[in-house]
Each structure stands twice: as C-alpha cells, then as structure tokens.
Amino acid sequence: QVDLAESGGGLVQPGGSLNLSCTITDNIYDYFIFEWHRQAAGKSRELVAAITRTQITNYHNAVQGRFTISRDDWKNIVRLQMTSLKPEDTGIYYCKAHHLARGDYWGQGTQVTVSS
C-alpha cells in the first residue's frame, strides 16, 4: 500500500504565499515523475507542475515564474512553493506519483483558497 499525503493548504490573501508538501510512504526514487494538479470548483483537474527523477521541471503557463516544484529524495517529500497567489489559484491541490511499472498514485488533496 502506497500513500501520498498532501499538507500545507489554507486561506491566504492575494499576493501571499503557501508551501505545499506531498509525503510518500515509499522510496521516492522509485517514482519517475511527481506532479501537482489542481481542481477548481466546477472545473476539471489540471496539471500545475511536474518534476522528474532527474529534476527536470515543467509548469502550467498560468503559474510559470510564481510556483516552484522540488523534491527531497532524502525525506520522500515533493514540495510546491507558491508565491504571488491569485484568486484563480484557488482549488484543491493534488499530488500524483507515477511509477513506471505500477502506474499512478494520488493523494487526497489539500484545499488552497486565495481570497481577501
């Protein structure tokens, strides 16, 4: 049983920052890629950021320059640092891990609300 647990969500004012964490109960190095997705109310889930085992990153155009994804292979944690947050960043943020042999694993999500 592999579990992913997101944390760090909350309520923040526009322009503020939040740091999300995704902890995996397995050897992080066994997973080829980690992704953060988000889903706003009434909308489909979208890819926000991704990082490969070799530290190659990719970002949605809407968050480029504001969000930073990183992975700590010693602590089995993937992080998403979010700055200059906007109301349109509001949603549930999910962590996904992709194992080449076993497929995808998802966390339960953490709520991020950007509002004044």
Protein backbone atom coordinates (compact mmCIF):
# COMPACT_ATOMS: atom_id res chain seq x y z
CA GLN A 1 0.00 0.00 0.00
CA VAL A 2 1.49 3.32 -1.11
CA ASP A 3 0.06 6.51 0.34
CA LEU A 4 0.57 10.12 -0.65
CA ALA A 5 -0.35 12.82 1.84
CA GLU A 6 -0.60 16.48 0.93
CA SER A 7 -0.33 19.25 3.51
CA GLY A 8 0.19 23.00 3.69
CA GLY A 9 -3.02 24.27 2.17
CA GLY A 10 -5.08 27.05 3.69
CA LEU A 11 -6.52 30.51 3.28
CA VAL A 12 -4.24 33.28 2.02
CA GLN A 13 -4.75 36.78 0.71
CA PRO A 14 -3.98 37.66 -2.90
CA GLY A 15 -0.26 38.23 -3.30
CA GLY A 16 0.54 35.86 -0.47
CA SER A 17 2.46 32.59 -0.41
CA LEU A 18 1.88 28.98 0.58
CA ASN A 19 4.13 25.95 0.66
CA LEU A 20 2.56 22.58 -0.09
CA SER A 21 4.16 19.26 0.74
CA CYS A 22 3.49 15.77 -0.55
CA THR A 23 4.87 12.90 1.51
CA ILE A 24 5.04 9.42 0.04
CA THR A 25 5.21 6.21 2.10
CA ASP A 26 7.67 4.59 -0.26
CA ASN A 27 11.11 5.16 -1.74
CA ILE A 28 10.66 8.39 -3.70
CA TYR A 29 13.45 7.45 -6.10
CA ASP A 30 11.34 4.55 -7.44
CA TYR A 31 8.93 7.05 -8.97
CA PHE A 32 9.77 8.54 -12.34
CA ILE A 33 7.72 11.69 -12.04
CA PHE A 34 5.73 13.62 -9.48
CA GLU A 35 3.02 16.08 -10.39
CA TRP A 36 0.85 18.65 -8.67
CA HIS A 37 -2.64 19.06 -10.09
CA ARG A 38 -5.44 21.34 -9.01
CA GLN A 39 -9.17 21.37 -9.41
CA ALA A 40 -11.28 24.47 -9.00
CA ALA A 41 -14.97 24.21 -8.22
CA GLY A 42 -16.92 23.28 -11.33
CA LYS A 43 -13.80 22.77 -13.43
CA SER A 44 -11.77 19.77 -14.50
CA ARG A 45 -8.48 18.88 -12.86
CA GLU A 46 -5.42 20.47 -14.45
CA LEU A 47 -1.70 19.87 -14.27
CA VAL A 48 0.12 22.65 -12.41
CA ALA A 49 3.71 21.45 -12.14
CA ALA A 50 5.80 18.33 -12.62
CA ILE A 51 9.27 17.12 -11.70
CA THR A 52 11.11 14.05 -12.92
CA ARG A 53 13.58 11.82 -11.13
CA THR A 54 16.36 13.80 -12.85
CA GLN A 55 14.97 17.13 -11.60
CA ILE A 56 13.51 18.24 -14.93
CA THR A 57 10.56 20.52 -14.21
CA ASN A 58 7.56 21.72 -16.15
CA TYR A 59 4.88 24.27 -15.29
CA HIS A 60 1.46 25.36 -16.45
CA ASN A 61 1.75 28.73 -18.19
CA ALA A 62 -0.51 30.32 -15.58
CA VAL A 63 1.91 29.57 -12.73
CA GLN A 64 5.26 29.90 -14.52
CA GLY A 65 7.53 32.18 -12.51
CA ARG A 66 5.32 32.05 -9.41
CA PHE A 67 5.37 28.38 -8.42
CA THR A 68 8.39 26.16 -7.82
CA ILE A 69 8.27 22.38 -7.59
CA SER A 70 11.06 20.47 -5.88
CA ARG A 71 11.74 17.03 -4.48
CA ASP A 72 13.70 15.95 -1.42
CA ASP A 73 14.79 12.39 -2.05
CA TRP A 74 16.17 12.01 1.48
CA LYS A 75 12.83 12.83 3.11
CA ASN A 76 10.49 11.34 0.47
CA ILE A 77 8.81 14.73 0.04
CA VAL A 78 7.78 16.73 -3.01
CA ARG A 79 7.11 20.43 -2.43
CA LEU A 80 5.25 23.15 -4.27
CA GLN A 81 6.22 26.67 -3.30
CA MET A 82 3.54 29.11 -4.38
CA THR A 83 4.09 32.87 -4.41
CA SER A 84 2.16 35.88 -5.70
CA LEU A 85 -1.03 33.89 -5.32
CA LYS A 86 -4.14 34.97 -7.20
CA PRO A 87 -7.82 34.20 -6.59
CA GLU A 88 -7.76 31.98 -9.69
CA ASP A 89 -5.21 29.73 -7.94
CA THR A 90 -7.99 28.63 -5.59
CA GLY A 91 -8.78 24.94 -5.68
CA ILE A 92 -7.94 21.54 -4.28
CA TYR A 93 -4.32 20.65 -4.94
CA TYR A 94 -3.46 17.01 -5.52
CA CYS A 95 -0.15 15.22 -5.63
CA LYS A 96 0.39 12.41 -8.12
CA ALA A 97 3.26 9.94 -8.32
CA HIS A 98 3.97 7.87 -11.40
CA HIS A 99 5.71 4.52 -11.10
CA LEU A 100 6.83 3.09 -14.44
CA ALA A 101 5.73 -0.45 -13.55
CA ARG A 102 2.81 0.11 -11.16
CA GLY A 103 1.15 3.22 -12.57
CA ASP A 104 -0.23 6.30 -10.83
CA TYR A 105 -0.91 7.09 -7.20
CA TRP A 106 -2.92 10.09 -5.99
CA GLY A 107 -3.18 11.87 -2.69
CA GLN A 108 -6.43 13.05 -1.11
CA GLY A 109 -5.77 16.71 -1.84
CA THR A 110 -5.37 19.90 0.16
CA GLN A 111 -7.54 22.99 -0.17
CA VAL A 112 -5.97 26.29 -1.22
CA THR A 113 -8.14 29.39 -1.03
CA VAL A 114 -6.89 32.77 -2.19
CA SER A 115 -9.26 35.48 -1.07
CA SER A 116 -9.30 38.86 0.63
